[in-house]
Amino acid sequence: LGPSGAGKTTLIKIVTGQLRPTKGSVLTNGIPAAEMTGAMYRRIGMM
């Protein structure tokens, strides 16, 4: 939750590997976001 411009959409882009963070680590289902495969993306839905 947060107002417009709080960084919510940016965080989603980082979690889904669309954007690499300046610092820090992201694991999605145990896999670093930067290493997500096509098969993993097929199990993600986005609206």
All heavy atoms as atom14 arrays in JSON, in Angstrom:
{
  "sequence": "LGPSGAGKTTLIKIVTGQLRPTKGSVLTNGIPAAEMTGAMYRRIGMM",
  "atom14_mask": [
    [1, 1, 1, 1, 1, 1, 1, 1, 0, 0, 0, 0, 0, 0],
    [1, 1, 1, 1, 0, 0, 0, 0, 0, 0, 0, 0, 0, 0],
    [1, 1, 1, 1, 1, 1, 1, 0, 0, 0, 0, 0, 0, 0],
    [1, 1, 1, 1, 1, 1, 0, 0, 0, 0, 0, 0, 0, 0],
    [1, 1, 1, 1, 0, 0, 0, 0, 0, 0, 0, 0, 0, 0],
    [1, 1, 1, 1, 1, 0, 0, 0, 0, 0, 0, 0, 0, 0],
    [1, 1, 1, 1, 0, 0, 0, 0, 0, 0, 0, 0, 0, 0],
    [1, 1, 1, 1, 1, 1, 1, 1, 1, 0, 0, 0, 0, 0],
    [1, 1, 1, 1, 1, 1, 1, 0, 0, 0, 0, 0, 0, 0],
    [1, 1, 1, 1, 1, 1, 1, 0, 0, 0, 0, 0, 0, 0],
    [1, 1, 1, 1, 1, 1, 1, 1, 0, 0, 0, 0, 0, 0],
    [1, 1, 1, 1, 1, 1, 1, 1, 0, 0, 0, 0, 0, 0],
    [1, 1, 1, 1, 1, 1, 1, 1, 1, 0, 0, 0, 0, 0],
    [1, 1, 1, 1, 1, 1, 1, 1, 0, 0, 0, 0, 0, 0],
    [1, 1, 1, 1, 1, 1, 1, 0, 0, 0, 0, 0, 0, 0],
    [1, 1, 1, 1, 1, 1, 1, 0, 0, 0, 0, 0, 0, 0],
    [1, 1, 1, 1, 0, 0, 0, 0, 0, 0, 0, 0, 0, 0],
    [1, 1, 1, 1, 1, 1, 1, 1, 1, 0, 0, 0, 0, 0],
    [1, 1, 1, 1, 1, 1, 1, 1, 0, 0, 0, 0, 0, 0],
    [1, 1, 1, 1, 1, 1, 1, 1, 1, 1, 1, 0, 0, 0],
    [1, 1, 1, 1, 1, 1, 1, 0, 0, 0, 0, 0, 0, 0],
    [1, 1, 1, 1, 1, 1, 1, 0, 0, 0, 0, 0, 0, 0],
    [1, 1, 1, 1, 1, 1, 1, 1, 1, 0, 0, 0, 0, 0],
    [1, 1, 1, 1, 0, 0, 0, 0, 0, 0, 0, 0, 0, 0],
    [1, 1, 1, 1, 1, 1, 0, 0, 0, 0, 0, 0, 0, 0],
    [1, 1, 1, 1, 1, 1, 1, 0, 0, 0, 0, 0, 0, 0],
    [1, 1, 1, 1, 1, 1, 1, 1, 0, 0, 0, 0, 0, 0],
    [1, 1, 1, 1, 1, 1, 1, 0, 0, 0, 0, 0, 0, 0],
    [1, 1, 1, 1, 1, 1, 1, 1, 0, 0, 0, 0, 0, 0],
    [1, 1, 1, 1, 0, 0, 0, 0, 0, 0, 0, 0, 0, 0],
    [1, 1, 1, 1, 1, 1, 1, 1, 0, 0, 0, 0, 0, 0],
    [1, 1, 1, 1, 1, 1, 1, 0, 0, 0, 0, 0, 0, 0],
    [1, 1, 1, 1, 1, 0, 0, 0, 0, 0, 0, 0, 0, 0],
    [1, 1, 1, 1, 1, 0, 0, 0, 0, 0, 0, 0, 0, 0],
    [1, 1, 1, 1, 1, 1, 1, 1, 1, 0, 0, 0, 0, 0],
    [1, 1, 1, 1, 1, 1, 1, 1, 0, 0, 0, 0, 0, 0],
    [1, 1, 1, 1, 1, 1, 1, 0, 0, 0, 0, 0, 0, 0],
    [1, 1, 1, 1, 0, 0, 0, 0, 0, 0, 0, 0, 0, 0],
    [1, 1, 1, 1, 1, 0, 0, 0, 0, 0, 0, 0, 0, 0],
    [1, 1, 1, 1, 1, 1, 1, 1, 0, 0, 0, 0, 0, 0],
    [1, 1, 1, 1, 1, 1, 1, 1, 1, 1, 1, 1, 0, 0],
    [1, 1, 1, 1, 1, 1, 1, 1, 1, 1, 1, 0, 0, 0],
    [1, 1, 1, 1, 1, 1, 1, 1, 1, 1, 1, 0, 0, 0],
    [1, 1, 1, 1, 1, 1, 1, 1, 0, 0, 0, 0, 0, 0],
    [1, 1, 1, 1, 0, 0, 0, 0, 0, 0, 0, 0, 0, 0],
    [1, 1, 1, 1, 1, 1, 1, 1, 0, 0, 0, 0, 0, 0],
    [1, 1, 1, 1, 1, 1, 1, 1, 0, 0, 0, 0, 0, 0]
  ],
  "atom14_positions": [
    [[0.84, -1.2, 0.0], [0.0, 0.0, 0.0], [0.87, 1.24, 0.0], [1.87, 1.32, 0.71], [-0.9, 0.03, 1.23], [-2.15, -0.84, 1.22], [-1.8, -2.32, 1.26], [-3.05, -0.51, 2.39], [0.0, 0.0, 0.0], [0.0, 0.0, 0.0], [0.0, 0.0, 0.0], [0.0, 0.0, 0.0], [0.0, 0.0, 0.0], [0.0, 0.0, 0.0]],
    [[0.45, 2.21, -0.77], [1.17, 3.46, -0.79], [0.56, 4.41, -1.79], [-0.13, 3.98, -2.72], [0.0, 0.0, 0.0], [0.0, 0.0, 0.0], [0.0, 0.0, 0.0], [0.0, 0.0, 0.0], [0.0, 0.0, 0.0], [0.0, 0.0, 0.0], [0.0, 0.0, 0.0], [0.0, 0.0, 0.0], [0.0, 0.0, 0.0], [0.0, 0.0, 0.0]],
    [[0.81, 5.71, -1.64], [0.27, 6.69, -2.59], [0.97, 6.59, -3.94], [1.99, 5.91, -4.08], [0.57, 8.02, -1.9], [1.79, 7.74, -1.07], [1.64, 6.32, -0.6], [0.0, 0.0, 0.0], [0.0, 0.0, 0.0], [0.0, 0.0, 0.0], [0.0, 0.0, 0.0], [0.0, 0.0, 0.0], [0.0, 0.0, 0.0], [0.0, 0.0, 0.0]],
    [[0.43, 7.25, -4.92], [1.08, 7.3, -6.23], [2.48, 7.89, -6.09], [2.69, 8.86, -5.38], [0.26, 8.17, -7.19], [-1.03, 7.63, -7.38], [0.0, 0.0, 0.0], [0.0, 0.0, 0.0], [0.0, 0.0, 0.0], [0.0, 0.0, 0.0], [0.0, 0.0, 0.0], [0.0, 0.0, 0.0], [0.0, 0.0, 0.0], [0.0, 0.0, 0.0]],
    [[3.44, 7.23, -6.73], [4.82, 7.7, -6.66], [5.61, 7.14, -5.5], [6.78, 7.5, -5.31], [0.0, 0.0, 0.0], [0.0, 0.0, 0.0], [0.0, 0.0, 0.0], [0.0, 0.0, 0.0], [0.0, 0.0, 0.0], [0.0, 0.0, 0.0], [0.0, 0.0, 0.0], [0.0, 0.0, 0.0], [0.0, 0.0, 0.0], [0.0, 0.0, 0.0]],
    [[5.01, 6.23, -4.72], [5.71, 5.69, -3.55], [6.76, 4.65, -3.93], [7.65, 4.35, -3.15], [4.71, 5.07, -2.58], [0.0, 0.0, 0.0], [0.0, 0.0, 0.0], [0.0, 0.0, 0.0], [0.0, 0.0, 0.0], [0.0, 0.0, 0.0], [0.0, 0.0, 0.0], [0.0, 0.0, 0.0], [0.0, 0.0, 0.0], [0.0, 0.0, 0.0]],
    [[6.65, 4.08, -5.15], [7.62, 3.08, -5.59], [7.02, 1.69, -5.77], [7.77, 0.72, -5.96], [0.0, 0.0, 0.0], [0.0, 0.0, 0.0], [0.0, 0.0, 0.0], [0.0, 0.0, 0.0], [0.0, 0.0, 0.0], [0.0, 0.0, 0.0], [0.0, 0.0, 0.0], [0.0, 0.0, 0.0], [0.0, 0.0, 0.0], [0.0, 0.0, 0.0]],
    [[5.69, 1.57, -5.76], [5.05, 0.25, -5.82], [5.33, -0.46, -7.15], [5.75, -1.61, -7.18], [3.53, 0.39, -5.61], [3.13, 1.05, -4.31], [1.64, 0.97, -4.05], [0.79, 1.66, -5.1], [1.04, 3.13, -5.15], [0.0, 0.0, 0.0], [0.0, 0.0, 0.0], [0.0, 0.0, 0.0], [0.0, 0.0, 0.0], [0.0, 0.0, 0.0]],
    [[5.1, 0.25, -8.27], [5.3, -0.37, -9.57], [6.78, -0.68, -9.8], [7.13, -1.72, -10.38], [4.78, 0.55, -10.68], [3.38, 0.81, -10.45], [4.93, -0.1, -12.05], [0.0, 0.0, 0.0], [0.0, 0.0, 0.0], [0.0, 0.0, 0.0], [0.0, 0.0, 0.0], [0.0, 0.0, 0.0], [0.0, 0.0, 0.0], [0.0, 0.0, 0.0]],
    [[7.65, 0.18, -9.34], [9.09, -0.07, -9.45], [9.47, -1.36, -8.75], [10.27, -2.16, -9.27], [9.89, 1.11, -8.86], [9.61, 2.3, -9.6], [11.39, 0.83, -8.9], [0.0, 0.0, 0.0], [0.0, 0.0, 0.0], [0.0, 0.0, 0.0], [0.0, 0.0, 0.0], [0.0, 0.0, 0.0], [0.0, 0.0, 0.0], [0.0, 0.0, 0.0]],
    [[8.89, -1.59, -7.58], [9.21, -2.8, -6.83], [8.73, -4.04, -7.58], [9.43, -5.06, -7.59], [8.57, -2.73, -5.43], [9.09, -3.74, -4.41], [10.6, -3.59, -4.21], [8.37, -3.59, -3.09], [0.0, 0.0, 0.0], [0.0, 0.0, 0.0], [0.0, 0.0, 0.0], [0.0, 0.0, 0.0], [0.0, 0.0, 0.0], [0.0, 0.0, 0.0]],
    [[7.56, -3.98, -8.2], [7.07, -5.12, -8.99], [8.04, -5.41, -10.14], [8.36, -6.58, -10.42], [5.66, -4.84, -9.54], [4.62, -4.99, -8.43], [5.32, -5.8, -10.69], [3.19, -4.8, -8.89], [0.0, 0.0, 0.0], [0.0, 0.0, 0.0], [0.0, 0.0, 0.0], [0.0, 0.0, 0.0], [0.0, 0.0, 0.0], [0.0, 0.0, 0.0]],
    [[8.52, -4.38, -10.81], [9.45, -4.58, -11.91], [10.74, -5.24, -11.44], [11.35, -6.03, -12.16], [9.74, -3.24, -12.6], [8.56, -2.7, -13.38], [8.91, -1.38, -14.06], [7.73, -0.86, -14.88], [8.06, 0.43, -15.54], [0.0, 0.0, 0.0], [0.0, 0.0, 0.0], [0.0, 0.0, 0.0], [0.0, 0.0, 0.0], [0.0, 0.0, 0.0]],
    [[11.16, -4.93, -10.23], [12.37, -5.54, -9.68], [12.12, -7.01, -9.34], [12.93, -7.89, -9.67], [12.84, -4.77, -8.43], [13.4, -3.4, -8.84], [13.88, -5.56, -7.65], [13.73, -2.5, -7.68], [0.0, 0.0, 0.0], [0.0, 0.0, 0.0], [0.0, 0.0, 0.0], [0.0, 0.0, 0.0], [0.0, 0.0, 0.0], [0.0, 0.0, 0.0]],
    [[10.98, -7.3, -8.71], [10.66, -8.68, -8.33], [10.55, -9.57, -9.56], [10.95, -10.75, -9.52], [9.35, -8.72, -7.51], [8.91, -10.15, -7.27], [9.53, -7.99, -6.18], [0.0, 0.0, 0.0], [0.0, 0.0, 0.0], [0.0, 0.0, 0.0], [0.0, 0.0, 0.0], [0.0, 0.0, 0.0], [0.0, 0.0, 0.0], [0.0, 0.0, 0.0]],
    [[10.0, -9.03, -10.66], [9.79, -9.83, -11.87], [10.99, -9.81, -12.81], [10.93, -10.36, -13.91], [8.54, -9.35, -12.63], [8.65, -7.95, -12.88], [7.29, -9.62, -11.81], [0.0, 0.0, 0.0], [0.0, 0.0, 0.0], [0.0, 0.0, 0.0], [0.0, 0.0, 0.0], [0.0, 0.0, 0.0], [0.0, 0.0, 0.0], [0.0, 0.0, 0.0]],
    [[12.09, -9.2, -12.39], [13.29, -9.2, -13.2], [13.3, -8.23, -14.35], [14.21, -8.25, -15.18], [0.0, 0.0, 0.0], [0.0, 0.0, 0.0], [0.0, 0.0, 0.0], [0.0, 0.0, 0.0], [0.0, 0.0, 0.0], [0.0, 0.0, 0.0], [0.0, 0.0, 0.0], [0.0, 0.0, 0.0], [0.0, 0.0, 0.0], [0.0, 0.0, 0.0]],
    [[12.3, -7.35, -14.43], [12.27, -6.34, -15.5], [13.25, -5.21, -15.24], [13.63, -4.49, -16.16], [10.86, -5.76, -15.63], [9.78, -6.77, -15.95], [8.41, -6.14, -15.93], [8.08, -5.3, -16.77], [7.59, -6.51, -14.97], [0.0, 0.0, 0.0], [0.0, 0.0, 0.0], [0.0, 0.0, 0.0], [0.0, 0.0, 0.0], [0.0, 0.0, 0.0]],
    [[13.65, -5.07, -13.98], [14.54, -3.99, -13.57], [15.5, -4.52, -12.53], [15.09, -5.21, -11.58], [13.7, -2.85, -12.98], [14.4, -1.55, -12.58], [14.99, -0.86, -13.81], [13.4, -0.62, -11.89], [0.0, 0.0, 0.0], [0.0, 0.0, 0.0], [0.0, 0.0, 0.0], [0.0, 0.0, 0.0], [0.0, 0.0, 0.0], [0.0, 0.0, 0.0]],
    [[16.76, -4.25, -12.73], [17.76, -4.67, -11.75], [17.93, -3.59, -10.69], [18.15, -2.42, -11.03], [19.09, -4.97, -12.41], [19.09, -6.24, -13.23], [20.48, -6.73, -13.5], [20.49, -8.0, -14.2], [21.56, -8.74, -14.43], [22.75, -8.28, -14.03], [21.48, -9.89, -15.06], [0.0, 0.0, 0.0], [0.0, 0.0, 0.0], [0.0, 0.0, 0.0]],
    [[17.87, -3.96, -9.41], [18.02, -2.94, -8.38], [19.44, -2.4, -8.31], [20.4, -3.08, -8.67], [17.66, -3.7, -7.1], [18.01, -5.12, -7.39], [17.7, -5.31, -8.85], [0.0, 0.0, 0.0], [0.0, 0.0, 0.0], [0.0, 0.0, 0.0], [0.0, 0.0, 0.0], [0.0, 0.0, 0.0], [0.0, 0.0, 0.0], [0.0, 0.0, 0.0]],
    [[19.54, -1.17, -7.85], [20.85, -0.58, -7.65], [21.63, -1.36, -6.59], [22.85, -1.53, -6.69], [20.7, 0.89, -7.2], [19.88, 1.59, -8.14], [22.05, 1.57, -7.09], [0.0, 0.0, 0.0], [0.0, 0.0, 0.0], [0.0, 0.0, 0.0], [0.0, 0.0, 0.0], [0.0, 0.0, 0.0], [0.0, 0.0, 0.0], [0.0, 0.0, 0.0]],
    [[20.89, -1.86, -5.6], [21.51, -2.62, -4.51], [20.48, -3.58, -3.95], [19.28, -3.33, -4.0], [21.97, -1.65, -3.4], [22.55, -2.32, -2.17], [22.84, -1.29, -1.08], [23.29, -1.97, 0.2], [23.46, -0.99, 1.31], [0.0, 0.0, 0.0], [0.0, 0.0, 0.0], [0.0, 0.0, 0.0], [0.0, 0.0, 0.0], [0.0, 0.0, 0.0]],
    [[20.96, -4.69, -3.4], [20.06, -5.64, -2.74], [19.84, -6.9, -3.55], [20.28, -7.02, -4.7], [0.0, 0.0, 0.0], [0.0, 0.0, 0.0], [0.0, 0.0, 0.0], [0.0, 0.0, 0.0], [0.0, 0.0, 0.0], [0.0, 0.0, 0.0], [0.0, 0.0, 0.0], [0.0, 0.0, 0.0], [0.0, 0.0, 0.0], [0.0, 0.0, 0.0]],
    [[19.12, -7.85, -2.95], [18.89, -9.14, -3.6], [17.4, -9.47, -3.62], [16.64, -9.07, -2.74], [19.65, -10.26, -2.88], [19.16, -10.44, -1.56], [0.0, 0.0, 0.0], [0.0, 0.0, 0.0], [0.0, 0.0, 0.0], [0.0, 0.0, 0.0], [0.0, 0.0, 0.0], [0.0, 0.0, 0.0], [0.0, 0.0, 0.0], [0.0, 0.0, 0.0]],
    [[17.01, -10.2, -4.66], [15.62, -10.62, -4.85], [15.61, -12.1, -5.15], [16.3, -12.57, -6.06], [14.95, -9.87, -6.03], [13.48, -10.26, -6.14], [15.11, -8.38, -5.89], [0.0, 0.0, 0.0], [0.0, 0.0, 0.0], [0.0, 0.0, 0.0], [0.0, 0.0, 0.0], [0.0, 0.0, 0.0], [0.0, 0.0, 0.0], [0.0, 0.0, 0.0]],
    [[14.81, -12.84, -4.4], [14.58, -14.26, -4.69], [13.1, -14.45, -4.96], [12.26, -14.04, -4.17], [15.01, -15.14, -3.52], [16.5, -15.15, -3.16], [16.74, -16.04, -1.94], [17.34, -15.64, -4.34], [0.0, 0.0, 0.0], [0.0, 0.0, 0.0], [0.0, 0.0, 0.0], [0.0, 0.0, 0.0], [0.0, 0.0, 0.0], [0.0, 0.0, 0.0]],
    [[12.79, -15.09, -6.09], [11.42, -15.43, -6.42], [11.33, -16.95, -6.53], [11.96, -17.56, -7.4], [10.99, -14.78, -7.75], [11.14, -13.36, -7.64], [9.55, -15.1, -8.06], [0.0, 0.0, 0.0], [0.0, 0.0, 0.0], [0.0, 0.0, 0.0], [0.0, 0.0, 0.0], [0.0, 0.0, 0.0], [0.0, 0.0, 0.0], [0.0, 0.0, 0.0]],
    [[10.59, -17.54, -5.61], [10.5, -19.0, -5.51], [11.89, -19.62, -5.39], [12.19, -20.67, -5.97], [9.76, -19.58, -6.72], [9.14, -20.93, -6.42], [8.99, -21.32, -5.26], [8.8, -21.66, -7.45], [0.0, 0.0, 0.0], [0.0, 0.0, 0.0], [0.0, 0.0, 0.0], [0.0, 0.0, 0.0], [0.0, 0.0, 0.0], [0.0, 0.0, 0.0]],
    [[12.77, -18.93, -4.67], [14.11, -19.43, -4.4], [15.14, -19.13, -5.46], [16.31, -19.47, -5.3], [0.0, 0.0, 0.0], [0.0, 0.0, 0.0], [0.0, 0.0, 0.0], [0.0, 0.0, 0.0], [0.0, 0.0, 0.0], [0.0, 0.0, 0.0], [0.0, 0.0, 0.0], [0.0, 0.0, 0.0], [0.0, 0.0, 0.0], [0.0, 0.0, 0.0]],
    [[14.73, -18.46, -6.54], [15.63, -18.17, -7.66], [15.88, -16.67, -7.74], [14.94, -15.88, -7.67], [15.03, -18.66, -9.0], [14.67, -20.14, -8.92], [15.98, -18.38, -10.15], [15.86, -21.05, -8.72], [0.0, 0.0, 0.0], [0.0, 0.0, 0.0], [0.0, 0.0, 0.0], [0.0, 0.0, 0.0], [0.0, 0.0, 0.0], [0.0, 0.0, 0.0]],
    [[17.15, -16.24, -7.87], [17.4, -14.81, -8.07], [16.64, -14.29, -9.28], [16.58, -14.95, -10.32], [18.92, -14.75, -8.29], [19.46, -15.96, -7.6], [18.42, -17.02, -7.8], [0.0, 0.0, 0.0], [0.0, 0.0, 0.0], [0.0, 0.0, 0.0], [0.0, 0.0, 0.0], [0.0, 0.0, 0.0], [0.0, 0.0, 0.0], [0.0, 0.0, 0.0]],
    [[16.06, -13.1, -9.15], [15.23, -12.55, -10.22], [15.98, -12.46, -11.54], [15.41, -12.68, -12.61], [14.69, -11.18, -9.81], [0.0, 0.0, 0.0], [0.0, 0.0, 0.0], [0.0, 0.0, 0.0], [0.0, 0.0, 0.0], [0.0, 0.0, 0.0], [0.0, 0.0, 0.0], [0.0, 0.0, 0.0], [0.0, 0.0, 0.0], [0.0, 0.0, 0.0]],
    [[17.26, -12.15, -11.48], [18.06, -12.01, -12.7], [18.27, -13.35, -13.4], [18.67, -13.38, -14.57], [19.42, -11.39, -12.36], [0.0, 0.0, 0.0], [0.0, 0.0, 0.0], [0.0, 0.0, 0.0], [0.0, 0.0, 0.0], [0.0, 0.0, 0.0], [0.0, 0.0, 0.0], [0.0, 0.0, 0.0], [0.0, 0.0, 0.0], [0.0, 0.0, 0.0]],
    [[18.01, -14.46, -12.71], [18.22, -15.79, -13.29], [16.92, -16.49, -13.65], [16.92, -17.69, -13.96], [19.03, -16.65, -12.31], [20.4, -16.09, -11.99], [21.14, -16.9, -10.94], [20.7, -18.05, -10.67], [22.13, -16.39, -10.38], [0.0, 0.0, 0.0], [0.0, 0.0, 0.0], [0.0, 0.0, 0.0], [0.0, 0.0, 0.0], [0.0, 0.0, 0.0]],
    [[15.81, -15.78, -13.62], [14.54, -16.41, -13.93], [14.5, -16.86, -15.39], [14.94, -16.16, -16.29], [13.39, -15.44, -13.65], [13.18, -15.18, -12.16], [11.91, -13.93, -11.81], [10.44, -14.76, -12.42], [0.0, 0.0, 0.0], [0.0, 0.0, 0.0], [0.0, 0.0, 0.0], [0.0, 0.0, 0.0], [0.0, 0.0, 0.0], [0.0, 0.0, 0.0]],
    [[13.96, -18.05, -15.61], [13.92, -18.64, -16.94], [12.55, -18.41, -17.59], [11.59, -17.99, -16.93], [14.17, -20.15, -16.85], [13.1, -20.76, -16.11], [15.49, -20.44, -16.15], [0.0, 0.0, 0.0], [0.0, 0.0, 0.0], [0.0, 0.0, 0.0], [0.0, 0.0, 0.0], [0.0, 0.0, 0.0], [0.0, 0.0, 0.0], [0.0, 0.0, 0.0]],
    [[12.47, -18.73, -18.87], [11.2, -18.62, -19.57], [10.13, -19.48, -18.95], [8.95, -19.08, -18.88], [0.0, 0.0, 0.0], [0.0, 0.0, 0.0], [0.0, 0.0, 0.0], [0.0, 0.0, 0.0], [0.0, 0.0, 0.0], [0.0, 0.0, 0.0], [0.0, 0.0, 0.0], [0.0, 0.0, 0.0], [0.0, 0.0, 0.0], [0.0, 0.0, 0.0]],
    [[10.5, -20.66, -18.49], [9.54, -21.56, -17.86], [8.96, -20.94, -16.59], [7.77, -21.1, -16.29], [10.2, -22.9, -17.54], [0.0, 0.0, 0.0], [0.0, 0.0, 0.0], [0.0, 0.0, 0.0], [0.0, 0.0, 0.0], [0.0, 0.0, 0.0], [0.0, 0.0, 0.0], [0.0, 0.0, 0.0], [0.0, 0.0, 0.0], [0.0, 0.0, 0.0]],
    [[9.8, -20.21, -15.85], [9.31, -19.56, -14.63], [8.36, -18.42, -14.96], [7.34, -18.23, -14.3], [10.5, -19.04, -13.81], [11.36, -20.13, -13.2], [12.73, -19.44, -12.24], [11.84, -18.63, -10.92], [0.0, 0.0, 0.0], [0.0, 0.0, 0.0], [0.0, 0.0, 0.0], [0.0, 0.0, 0.0], [0.0, 0.0, 0.0], [0.0, 0.0, 0.0]],
    [[8.68, -17.65, -16.01], [7.81, -16.54, -16.39], [6.44, -17.05, -16.85], [5.44, -16.34, -16.72], [8.46, -15.71, -17.5], [9.47, -14.72, -17.0], [10.82, -14.83, -17.31], [9.09, -13.66, -16.17], [11.76, -13.92, -16.85], [10.02, -12.74, -15.7], [11.35, -12.88, -16.04], [12.27, -11.98, -15.57], [0.0, 0.0, 0.0], [0.0, 0.0, 0.0]],
    [[6.41, -18.26, -17.38], [5.13, -18.81, -17.82], [4.2, -19.1, -16.66], [3.0, -19.3, -16.86], [5.37, -20.1, -18.62], [5.95, -19.85, -20.0], [6.27, -21.17, -20.72], [6.85, -20.92, -22.02], [6.16, -20.77, -23.15], [4.85, -20.84, -23.11], [6.77, -20.55, -24.29], [0.0, 0.0, 0.0], [0.0, 0.0, 0.0], [0.0, 0.0, 0.0]],
    [[4.71, -19.13, -15.44], [3.88, -19.39, -14.27], [3.58, -18.11, -13.49], [3.14, -18.14, -12.35], [4.55, -20.42, -13.33], [4.81, -21.77, -13.96], [3.61, -22.36, -14.69], [2.4, -22.4, -13.88], [2.1, -23.4, -13.04], [2.92, -24.42, -12.93], [0.98, -23.37, -12.35], [0.0, 0.0, 0.0], [0.0, 0.0, 0.0], [0.0, 0.0, 0.0]],
    [[3.85, -16.98, -14.12], [3.56, -15.68, -13.51], [2.44, -15.01, -14.3], [2.45, -15.02, -15.53], [4.81, -14.78, -13.5], [5.87, -15.35, -12.55], [4.45, -13.35, -13.08], [7.18, -14.57, -12.54], [0.0, 0.0, 0.0], [0.0, 0.0, 0.0], [0.0, 0.0, 0.0], [0.0, 0.0, 0.0], [0.0, 0.0, 0.0], [0.0, 0.0, 0.0]],
    [[1.47, -14.43, -13.59], [0.42, -13.63, -14.21], [0.55, -12.19, -13.77], [0.94, -11.92, -12.63], [0.0, 0.0, 0.0], [0.0, 0.0, 0.0], [0.0, 0.0, 0.0], [0.0, 0.0, 0.0], [0.0, 0.0, 0.0], [0.0, 0.0, 0.0], [0.0, 0.0, 0.0], [0.0, 0.0, 0.0], [0.0, 0.0, 0.0], [0.0, 0.0, 0.0]],
    [[0.23, -11.26, -14.68], [0.37, -9.85, -14.35], [-0.81, -9.05, -14.88], [-1.24, -9.23, -16.02], [1.66, -9.27, -14.94], [2.92, -9.9, -14.38], [4.43, -9.03, -14.87], [4.28, -7.55, -13.89], [0.0, 0.0, 0.0], [0.0, 0.0, 0.0], [0.0, 0.0, 0.0], [0.0, 0.0, 0.0], [0.0, 0.0, 0.0], [0.0, 0.0, 0.0]],
    [[-1.34, -8.18, -14.03], [-2.37, -7.22, -14.42], [-1.88, -5.87, -13.94], [-1.97, -5.54, -12.76], [-3.71, -7.57, -13.78], [-4.83, -6.59, -14.08], [-6.34, -7.04, -13.2], [-7.39, -5.64, -13.6], [0.0, 0.0, 0.0], [0.0, 0.0, 0.0], [0.0, 0.0, 0.0], [0.0, 0.0, 0.0], [0.0, 0.0, 0.0], [0.0, 0.0, 0.0]]
  ]
}
